[in-house]
Each structure stands twice: as C-alpha cells, then as structure tokens.
Protein backbone atom coordinates (compact mmCIF):
# COMPACT_ATOMS: atom_id res chain seq x y z
CA MET A 1 0.66 121.13 136.57
CA HIS A 2 0.33 119.48 139.88
CA ALA A 3 -1.24 115.97 139.41
CA ARG A 4 -1.60 115.53 143.20
CA ARG A 5 -2.76 118.18 145.51
CA VAL A 6 -1.57 118.34 149.25
CA VAL A 7 -3.82 119.12 152.12
CA ILE A 8 -3.36 119.25 156.14
CA THR A 9 -6.01 116.69 157.78
CA GLY A 10 -4.41 116.91 161.18
CA MET A 11 -2.46 119.15 163.72
CA GLY A 12 -0.54 118.81 166.91
CA LEU A 13 1.05 121.05 169.29
CA VAL A 14 3.00 120.97 172.32
CA SER A 15 3.86 124.57 173.12
CA PRO A 16 4.07 127.01 175.72
CA TYR A 17 0.54 127.53 175.81
CA GLY A 18 -0.08 123.77 176.42
CA LEU A 19 -1.27 121.04 174.30
CA ASP A 20 -3.99 122.37 172.32
CA ALA A 21 -3.32 123.96 169.03
CA LYS A 22 -6.94 125.67 169.05
CA LEU A 23 -6.75 127.14 172.75
CA ALA A 24 -3.04 128.42 171.92
CA PHE A 25 -4.30 129.89 168.48
CA GLU A 26 -6.92 131.97 170.47
CA ALA A 27 -4.56 133.08 172.94
CA MET A 28 -2.42 134.62 170.27
CA LEU A 29 -5.59 136.17 168.43
CA GLN A 30 -5.80 137.86 171.85
CA GLY A 31 -2.12 138.96 171.84
CA LYS A 32 -1.30 137.06 175.17
CA THR A 33 2.44 135.86 175.57
CA ALA A 34 3.55 133.14 177.01
CA PHE A 35 6.78 134.41 178.42
CA ARG A 36 7.97 134.12 181.96
CA MET A 37 11.67 134.20 183.64
CA ASN A 38 13.17 131.11 184.38
CA ALA A 39 16.19 130.07 186.09
CA VAL A 40 18.76 128.01 183.53
CA GLY A 41 21.21 125.57 184.59
CA GLU A 42 22.66 124.52 188.14
CA ALA A 43 23.98 126.28 190.91
CA PRO A 44 26.35 128.03 191.03
CA HIS A 45 25.99 128.19 187.14
CA THR A 46 22.79 129.52 186.38
CA THR A 47 21.24 132.41 184.55
CA ASN A 48 17.82 134.09 184.62
CA ILE A 49 16.01 134.44 181.41
CA ALA A 50 12.99 135.09 179.73
CA SER A 51 11.88 132.03 177.89
CA ALA A 52 8.71 130.22 176.80
CA VAL A 53 8.66 126.59 178.29
CA CYS A 54 6.51 123.74 178.10
CA SER A 55 5.85 123.52 181.92
CA ASP A 56 3.86 120.30 183.17
CA VAL A 57 4.56 118.56 180.11
CA ASP A 58 4.78 114.67 181.07
CA ALA A 59 5.07 112.18 178.20
CA THR A 60 5.34 109.00 180.50
CA PRO A 61 1.86 108.11 180.23
CA LEU A 62 2.13 107.87 176.24
CA LEU A 63 5.57 106.71 175.87
CA GLY A 64 5.79 104.38 179.35
CA LYS A 65 8.63 104.47 181.71
CA SER A 66 11.23 102.32 179.95
CA ARG A 67 10.65 104.29 176.67
CA SER A 68 10.66 107.36 178.14
CA ALA A 69 13.84 107.08 180.07
CA THR A 70 15.90 106.05 176.58
CA MET A 71 14.52 109.72 175.23
CA ASP A 72 15.59 113.25 175.03
CA ARG A 73 13.33 115.84 176.13
CA SER A 74 12.94 117.19 172.04
CA SER A 75 11.83 113.26 171.27
CA HIS A 76 9.34 113.40 174.42
CA LEU A 77 7.83 116.73 172.83
CA ALA A 78 7.51 115.68 169.37
CA ALA A 79 5.92 111.91 170.46
CA LEU A 80 3.35 114.11 172.29
CA ALA A 81 2.81 116.32 169.11
CA ALA A 82 2.72 113.80 166.29
CA THR A 83 0.37 111.30 168.21
CA SER A 84 -2.07 114.54 168.68
CA ALA A 85 -1.75 115.20 164.96
CA TRP A 86 -2.32 111.62 164.20
CA ASN A 87 -5.26 111.27 166.14
CA ASP A 88 -6.67 114.64 165.03
CA ALA A 89 -6.68 113.58 161.43
CA GLY A 90 -8.65 110.41 162.24
CA LEU A 91 -5.95 107.92 161.43
CA SER A 92 -5.51 105.91 164.43
CA GLY A 93 -7.29 103.21 162.85
CA MET A 94 -4.98 102.85 159.50
CA GLY A 95 -3.96 99.23 158.51
CA GLU A 96 -0.13 97.94 158.97
CA GLN A 97 0.27 97.85 155.19
CA GLU A 98 -0.71 101.30 154.43
CA ARG A 99 1.30 102.98 157.77
CA ASP A 100 4.34 101.09 156.09
CA GLN A 101 4.08 103.98 153.32
CA VAL A 102 3.68 106.82 155.42
CA CYS A 103 6.76 108.91 155.90
CA VAL A 104 7.85 110.97 158.71
CA MET A 105 9.95 114.54 157.82
CA LEU A 106 10.98 116.21 161.30
CA GLY A 107 13.19 119.20 161.67
CA SER A 108 15.57 120.43 164.62
CA ALA A 109 18.24 122.50 164.86
CA ALA A 110 19.90 121.08 168.03
CA GLY A 111 18.47 117.20 168.48
CA GLY A 112 18.99 115.91 171.73
CA GLY A 113 20.44 119.01 173.10
CA GLN A 114 19.91 118.24 177.08
CA SER A 115 21.08 115.14 176.61
CA VAL A 116 24.51 116.57 175.01
CA GLU A 117 24.77 119.01 178.12
CA ARG A 118 24.03 116.28 180.39
CA ALA A 119 26.94 114.03 179.03
CA HIS A 120 29.16 116.94 179.29
CA ARG A 121 28.41 117.74 182.79
CA ASP A 122 28.85 114.27 183.77
CA LEU A 123 32.37 113.65 182.05
CA PHE A 124 33.75 117.38 182.89
CA VAL A 125 31.99 118.69 186.01
CA ARG A 126 31.02 115.33 187.92
CA LEU A 127 34.28 113.87 186.70
CA ARG A 128 32.46 110.53 185.80
CA SER A 129 34.43 107.96 184.18
CA ARG A 130 31.33 106.32 182.24
CA LEU A 131 28.50 107.51 180.51
CA SER A 132 25.15 106.05 180.20
CA PRO A 133 24.89 103.42 177.50
CA LEU A 134 22.06 105.51 176.36
CA THR A 135 23.65 108.41 175.37
CA VAL A 136 24.25 108.11 171.93
CA VAL A 137 20.65 107.59 171.01
CA GLN A 138 19.41 110.29 173.11
CA CYS A 139 22.03 112.89 171.79
CA MET A 140 21.47 111.95 168.06
CA SER A 141 19.75 114.29 165.96
CA ASN A 142 17.51 111.81 164.17
CA ALA A 143 16.17 110.30 167.47
CA ALA A 144 12.52 112.66 167.61
CA GLY A 145 11.49 111.38 164.32
CA ALA A 146 12.83 107.82 164.70
CA HIS A 147 10.70 107.66 167.87
CA VAL A 148 7.69 109.32 166.22
CA ALA A 149 7.84 106.48 163.51
CA GLN A 150 8.17 103.66 165.83
CA LEU A 151 5.41 104.87 168.21
CA LEU A 152 2.88 104.92 165.59
CA GLY A 153 4.59 102.06 163.52
CA LEU A 154 5.39 104.19 160.10
CA GLY A 155 7.46 102.58 157.76
CA GLY A 156 8.04 105.22 154.94
CA ALA A 157 10.94 107.54 154.57
CA CYS A 158 12.35 108.89 158.04
CA TYR A 159 14.62 111.94 157.64
CA THR A 160 15.93 114.51 160.33
CA TYR A 161 16.46 118.18 158.45
CA ALA A 162 19.16 120.41 160.62
CA VAL A 163 18.67 123.72 158.58
CA ALA A 164 18.92 125.91 161.99
CA CYS A 165 15.92 127.95 162.47
CA ALA A 166 14.43 126.86 158.85
CA SER A 167 14.60 123.09 160.07
CA SER A 168 11.03 122.21 160.45
CA ALA A 169 9.84 124.30 157.80
CA ALA A 170 12.42 122.31 155.14
CA ALA A 171 10.88 119.21 156.92
CA ILE A 172 7.48 120.11 156.03
CA ALA A 173 8.10 121.22 152.77
CA GLU A 174 9.59 117.78 151.91
CA ALA A 175 6.70 116.00 153.19
CA SER A 176 4.54 117.64 151.00
CA ARG A 177 6.95 116.90 148.05
CA ARG A 178 6.77 113.16 149.22
CA VAL A 179 3.06 113.31 148.75
CA ARG A 180 2.75 115.07 145.79
CA SER A 181 5.11 112.77 144.06
CA GLY A 182 3.14 109.80 144.59
CA GLU A 183 5.62 108.26 147.04
CA CYS A 184 2.94 108.10 149.81
CA ASP A 185 -0.60 109.28 150.52
CA VAL A 186 0.03 110.60 153.83
CA ALA A 187 2.99 111.79 155.37
CA LEU A 188 4.07 113.57 159.02
CA GLY A 189 5.87 117.08 158.87
CA GLY A 190 6.90 119.17 161.23
CA GLY A 191 9.56 119.77 164.20
CA SER A 192 10.68 119.56 167.62
CA GLU A 193 13.18 121.61 169.87
CA ALA A 194 13.88 121.54 173.77
CA ALA A 195 17.08 123.34 173.40
CA LEU A 196 17.08 125.53 176.77
CA PRO A 197 19.93 123.89 178.74
CA TYR A 198 22.40 126.38 180.32
CA GLY A 199 25.13 125.90 177.47
CA THR A 200 22.59 126.53 174.79
CA VAL A 201 21.42 129.78 176.47
CA ARG A 202 24.95 130.99 177.44
CA ALA A 203 25.93 130.96 173.82
CA TRP A 204 22.61 132.95 172.52
CA GLN A 205 23.43 135.41 175.19
CA SER A 206 27.10 135.78 173.82
CA MET A 207 25.79 136.63 170.52
CA GLN A 208 23.92 139.71 172.35
CA VAL A 209 20.62 138.46 170.30
CA LEU A 210 18.62 137.51 173.22
CA ALA A 211 16.07 140.08 174.76
CA VAL A 212 17.10 141.27 178.35
CA ALA A 213 13.88 141.20 180.69
CA ASP A 214 13.13 141.05 184.45
CA GLU A 215 9.85 140.23 186.38
CA SER A 216 8.20 143.44 185.70
CA ASN A 217 8.47 143.37 181.91
CA ALA A 218 8.98 139.58 180.85
CA GLU A 219 5.69 139.20 179.32
CA ARG A 220 6.41 142.02 176.63
CA VAL A 221 10.10 141.78 176.43
CA CYS A 222 10.07 140.37 172.71
CA ARG A 223 8.71 143.08 170.20
CA PRO A 224 9.55 142.51 166.61
CA PHE A 225 9.46 145.31 163.99
CA SER A 226 9.36 147.79 167.12
CA ALA A 227 11.62 150.76 167.72
CA ASP A 228 12.50 149.58 171.30
CA ARG A 229 13.20 145.87 170.29
CA GLY A 230 15.80 144.30 172.00
CA GLY A 231 16.29 140.80 170.51
CA LEU A 232 14.53 137.43 170.96
CA VAL A 233 12.99 134.82 173.37
CA LEU A 234 14.12 131.36 173.19
CA GLY A 235 11.28 128.70 173.62
CA GLU A 236 10.90 125.08 173.36
CA GLY A 237 7.97 122.95 171.99
CA SER A 238 7.05 120.59 169.03
CA ALA A 239 4.23 120.99 166.17
CA MET A 240 3.47 118.26 163.72
CA LEU A 241 0.98 118.18 160.69
CA VAL A 242 -0.74 115.30 158.86
CA LEU A 243 -0.24 116.10 155.21
CA GLU A 244 -2.30 114.09 152.96
CA GLU A 245 -3.19 113.74 149.11
CA LEU A 246 -6.60 115.37 148.35
CA ASP A 247 -8.27 112.59 146.95
CA HIS A 248 -7.18 110.20 149.63
CA ALA A 249 -8.48 112.65 152.05
CA LEU A 250 -11.83 113.08 150.47
CA ALA A 251 -12.32 109.24 149.88
CA ARG A 252 -12.03 109.00 153.75
CA GLY A 253 -14.23 111.81 154.59
CA ALA A 254 -11.33 113.76 156.32
CA ARG A 255 -11.81 117.17 157.94
CA ILE A 256 -9.48 119.56 155.79
CA TYR A 257 -8.00 122.44 157.36
CA ALA A 258 -6.10 124.12 154.27
CA GLU A 259 -3.85 122.98 151.35
CA LEU A 260 -0.15 123.51 151.27
CA ALA A 261 -0.24 124.77 147.99
CA GLY A 262 3.91 125.07 147.72
CA SER A 263 7.18 125.95 148.88
CA GLY A 264 10.31 127.57 147.96
CA SER A 265 13.80 127.70 149.39
CA SER A 266 16.92 129.87 148.69
CA CYS A 267 20.40 130.34 150.09
CA ASP A 268 21.89 133.57 150.81
CA HIS A 269 25.55 132.88 150.29
CA GLY A 270 26.78 135.77 151.80
CA HIS A 271 27.00 135.59 155.52
CA ILE A 272 26.93 133.03 158.18
CA THR A 273 24.60 134.93 160.26
CA ALA A 274 23.55 138.44 158.50
CA PRO A 275 20.53 137.80 156.56
CA SER A 276 19.99 138.85 152.85
CA ALA A 277 16.74 140.48 151.32
CA ALA A 278 17.66 139.27 148.12
CA GLY A 279 17.77 135.74 149.16
CA GLN A 280 14.51 136.09 151.00
CA VAL A 281 13.28 137.19 147.76
CA ARG A 282 14.19 134.40 145.72
CA ALA A 283 12.50 132.21 148.35
CA LEU A 284 9.37 133.87 148.25
CA ASN A 285 9.37 133.91 144.45
CA ALA A 286 10.20 130.52 144.05
CA ALA A 287 7.11 129.70 146.90
CA MET A 288 4.66 131.61 144.89
CA ARG A 289 5.70 130.10 141.48
CA ASP A 290 5.33 126.80 143.11
CA ALA A 291 1.90 127.56 144.35
CA ARG A 292 0.94 129.08 141.28
CA CYS A 293 -0.22 132.28 142.56
CA VAL A 294 1.15 135.83 142.68
CA PRO A 295 1.44 138.54 145.26
CA GLY A 296 -1.82 139.88 144.70
CA ASP A 297 -3.38 136.74 145.95
CA VAL A 298 -1.40 136.66 149.26
CA GLN A 299 -3.62 137.84 152.15
CA TYR A 300 -1.49 137.38 155.28
CA VAL A 301 2.31 136.47 155.89
CA ASN A 302 3.36 135.06 158.96
CA ALA A 303 6.91 136.77 159.38
CA HIS A 304 9.87 135.23 160.53
CA GLY A 305 10.20 138.39 162.59
CA THR A 306 12.73 137.51 165.66
CA ALA A 307 12.88 141.22 166.78
CA THR A 308 16.85 141.23 166.22
CA PRO A 309 17.82 144.87 165.24
CA GLU A 310 19.16 143.46 161.82
CA GLY A 311 16.98 140.81 160.75
CA ASP A 312 13.36 142.50 161.10
CA PRO A 313 14.19 145.52 158.75
CA VAL A 314 15.72 143.20 156.20
CA GLU A 315 12.44 140.85 156.35
CA ILE A 316 10.47 143.96 155.65
CA GLN A 317 12.90 145.28 153.03
CA ALA A 318 12.26 141.75 151.33
CA LEU A 319 8.40 141.91 151.31
CA ARG A 320 8.43 145.28 149.90
CA GLN A 321 10.62 144.39 147.19
CA CYS A 322 8.77 141.02 146.29
CA PHE A 323 5.59 142.49 146.86
CA GLY A 324 5.83 146.13 145.46
CA ASP A 325 2.85 148.54 145.66
CA LEU A 326 0.86 145.95 147.14
CA ALA A 327 3.35 145.49 150.12
CA SER A 328 1.19 148.40 152.05
CA ARG A 329 -2.05 146.74 151.91
CA LEU A 330 -0.26 143.27 153.16
CA PRO A 331 -0.99 142.15 156.67
CA VAL A 332 2.12 141.01 158.47
CA SER A 333 2.52 139.70 161.92
CA ALA A 334 5.50 137.69 163.99
CA THR A 335 3.80 135.59 166.40
CA LYS A 336 7.18 134.67 167.91
CA SER A 337 6.45 137.47 169.77
CA MET A 338 4.00 135.34 171.76
CA HIS A 339 5.11 131.85 171.64
CA GLY A 340 8.90 132.75 171.44
CA HIS A 341 11.77 131.57 169.18
CA LEU A 342 11.33 127.73 169.13
CA MET A 343 14.79 127.49 166.90
CA GLY A 344 14.38 124.36 164.65
CA ALA A 345 10.51 123.98 165.61
CA SER A 346 9.79 127.44 164.88
CA GLY A 347 8.75 126.87 161.25
CA ALA A 348 6.11 124.03 162.26
CA ILE A 349 4.18 126.33 165.18
CA GLU A 350 4.23 128.96 162.51
CA ALA A 351 2.92 126.71 159.84
CA LEU A 352 0.31 125.53 162.25
CA ILE A 353 -0.67 128.76 163.04
CA THR A 354 -0.63 130.29 159.34
CA THR A 355 -2.92 126.89 158.52
CA LEU A 356 -5.27 127.74 161.50
CA ALA A 357 -5.42 131.87 160.03
CA VAL A 358 -6.46 130.34 156.52
CA GLN A 359 -8.87 128.36 157.92
CA THR A 360 -10.66 130.73 160.53
CA GLY A 361 -10.14 133.73 158.30
CA LYS A 362 -8.64 135.33 161.84
CA ILE A 363 -4.96 136.95 161.55
CA PRO A 364 -2.90 137.02 164.92
CA PRO A 365 -0.98 139.95 165.74
CA THR A 366 2.63 140.87 166.56
CA ALA A 367 2.40 141.37 170.15
CA ASN A 368 3.89 144.34 171.96
CA LEU A 369 4.51 146.23 168.65
CA VAL A 370 3.59 149.82 169.73
CA ASP A 371 6.19 152.17 168.39
CA LEU A 372 6.91 150.95 164.91
CA ASP A 373 10.67 151.26 163.48
CA PRO A 374 10.63 153.53 160.67
CA ALA A 375 13.17 150.83 159.18
CA CYS A 376 10.06 148.25 159.24
CA ILE A 377 7.44 150.69 157.77
CA GLY A 378 5.82 149.43 154.22
CA VAL A 379 3.69 146.88 155.14
CA ASP A 380 0.12 146.38 157.14
CA HIS A 381 1.20 145.20 160.61
CA VAL A 382 -1.17 143.91 162.49
CA MET A 383 -0.53 145.24 165.92
CA GLY A 384 -2.07 144.59 169.52
CA SER A 385 -4.36 142.26 169.12
CA GLY A 386 -5.79 139.72 166.30
CA ARG A 387 -7.89 140.86 162.98
CA ASP A 388 -10.90 139.17 161.80
CA ALA A 389 -10.22 139.14 157.94
CA GLY A 390 -13.43 137.31 157.30
CA ARG A 391 -11.32 135.29 154.91
CA VAL A 392 -7.81 134.46 154.24
CA ASP A 393 -7.47 132.34 150.92
CA LEU A 394 -3.91 132.84 150.53
CA ALA A 395 -1.25 132.58 153.18
CA ILE A 396 2.52 132.77 153.79
CA SER A 397 5.02 131.36 156.26
CA ASN A 398 8.41 132.80 156.52
CA SER A 399 11.30 130.61 157.98
CA PHE A 400 14.85 132.07 157.46
CA ALA A 401 18.01 130.81 159.25
CA PHE A 402 21.40 131.13 160.25
CA GLY A 403 23.57 129.88 157.51
CA GLY A 404 21.82 132.09 154.94
CA SER A 405 18.84 128.98 154.54
CA ASN A 406 15.37 130.50 153.73
CA VAL A 407 12.14 128.52 153.53
CA VAL A 408 8.74 129.71 152.69
CA LEU A 409 5.30 127.82 152.79
CA VAL A 410 2.13 128.84 151.08
CA PHE A 411 -0.99 127.76 152.37
CA ARG A 412 -4.46 128.07 150.51
CA ALA A 413 -8.01 127.67 151.63
CA LEU A 414 -9.64 124.59 149.96
CA ASN A 415 -12.71 126.05 147.95
C-alpha cells in the first residue's frame, strides 16, 4: 500500500502556444496546431522546416541580464516554466528551511544543444581560437535543473534525466517517488528542450522521420495514426509540475489538479530506434500495478503518437494487447499533432495536458486525423476537435523513446 499519495498542485508551461497552460489546453481542445514554417541555421547553411517554436519568449526580466547571459535557451525556458508552476502552487512564501528539502527532477534529451552548436561554429567555421568561458556551464545537460534550483532556492536533490524522448516523463516519475518515499513533501518535476539548431534539425532529417511541409500545409503537417502521415514535427518548450504529498497540500489549502497515481517503465532491449509492443505493454502494466488500477478504469490515453510510419501502429498494437476487448472503447489521442515533438520535454507537456484532461473532463484530439491507417484501428481515436467526456477519473500518458526506454504515467481525479 502507498502510505503517501502524490498530487499535482502547480503547473507551468512555456509552449508554442504561449505561457498560459489553460489557454494552450483550450487551443488544443479546438484542434488548433502551433506549427509554422521556420528557417533554421545561418546563410548559406539554412533549411526550412515546419516546427513549433516558442516565439517572443524572453526570460531576461525574470533572470536579469547577467544571469540570462550565462544560460542556454533550454535553461531560460525551464526557469520560466518552473517559476510559473511554483507560483501557481502558491508556494512563493515557503520558508528557507522547507525549501531546503524540495527536490528538482528535470528531463532533457539534448541539454544545452544551442550552446554546443554555437561553440562548434565558433571553433570550426569562424576559426576562433578561444571560446567563451561560459561554454561548459551553458552546454552541460544538468544546467537547466541547476538554474531552476538556484532561482527558487530549492535545496533538495537536483537530478537531470536524459532518456531521449522519455526524459521528462522519467523525471516526473522520479519526483513522485521522492515525495511518496518521504524524502520530501514537495518536488518539481518536468522537462525543457530547445533543440532546434541547424545541426540537430539536419540530423533528424537524415533519419527521414521529419514531416515534409510547405507554407500551404504547415499547420496540418503532423498527422499521427493517419494513413498519409509523413513524420514528426520538432518543437521546443518546457513544462513543470509541482508534486506534493496529499496531506501537506490539504493542510495548506492548496488547489489540487489531480493525483499522480503511479508510473511504470521498461526497456525494449531489442533495437536502438525500432519500438517494441511487448516493451510498451510491460510499461503499461507496471504503471497500472503501481496505481492499483485495472484496464477498465482507464478513460483516456495521451499517446506517444509521433506520426512516424513504424511507431504509431506499434503503440496501437500495445494498447490493444494491454486493454483487450476494452481497447475499442478506449479514447486515445496524440497531442504532438498540435504542439509538436518536444523531444525530452514531450513527456512533461503531455503529463500537463493529461492532468488538465482529468481536472476538466475534456479530452483533446489528434489533430489532422481524417483517414485512419488500417494498421492503427482498434481504439477510440478522438479526431478533429476535443471531446467533453463529463468525467475522466483515470488517464494515462505514454512516453516511448529511442534506446527502447518506455515510461507511462497514471493520473487520477481526486475524489
């Protein structure tokens, strides 16, 4: 039995929709995508792609010019999201002694990727003999989490998880375990990614997994589960959740969005990029065991759904195997069709979206899905626009990564 229950009392988002989590959720309920054509790189080495960028995001007023200059863009986004989540939870007045126990668990696949590329460009293109002395601290993968802890004065464990596209889901799961175990009463869990420099985009293009778009179809270029899907759309952003022990939250009169009821993980151990239905089923079953629920309790799945030819059918196969005869009535959607694939931050934004689905009883759709791939049938796809389910008592968020790492989070309405 779980002696301590973990609830979500704050959320912060920096996304292609802006900085307001609830407005972003409302846009997604309407099936509105955040994609646009963007030129990446510097002339003559540029490429045009459809991507979801956080335009007009400036963390300088929060951080100050001196601190801002020491940080990669991924750290800027994390600082904004974490501060928003902390304030949303009503914790700005927490005393120093209690802050010293708060843990920070952050996920990122690429860390300070923009700073890495800038350093390489300075050395090998501009032929500079000396780099900025800030290069190491801007590039290191744990920088965003460290800056969040320093900014908010949080003195508990501060770890960064790099598990490709499951990074921030793993971080949230670990933050929950820290609270559940009694190590702390409050933790921050989430992720940040700003991995749209030229080299990263070219690397993804070489794998032939990016959707090809032009100005006429940029908004609908990502179509998970669709017969004509053509790949994923990269995005950037950050999402953070405040996880809190239930009694601690109740004692201070905190608003509670939902309970993080459990998590599960697995490794496919088969191929570095090809997904495995068996591995995903192990993670799904582990998460439901941890949450002490059964397939019939689940009322929504936020799918990993990247719109790749191989990945989408495998995920649906895993859901059919896990849920059996119940799968045909299981509402499923892939919100990457709207906010893009935020790599290591994807699990966090999808956890936030799933939390709001539980809180509101409204399920976002898979945008742009019209002609369903026959290989993806067998579940109740939420298509076009969102669905008002009335109640969503239990929901799941899937994160499946290159390297075979699978993480599943389970969210429950607090009765």
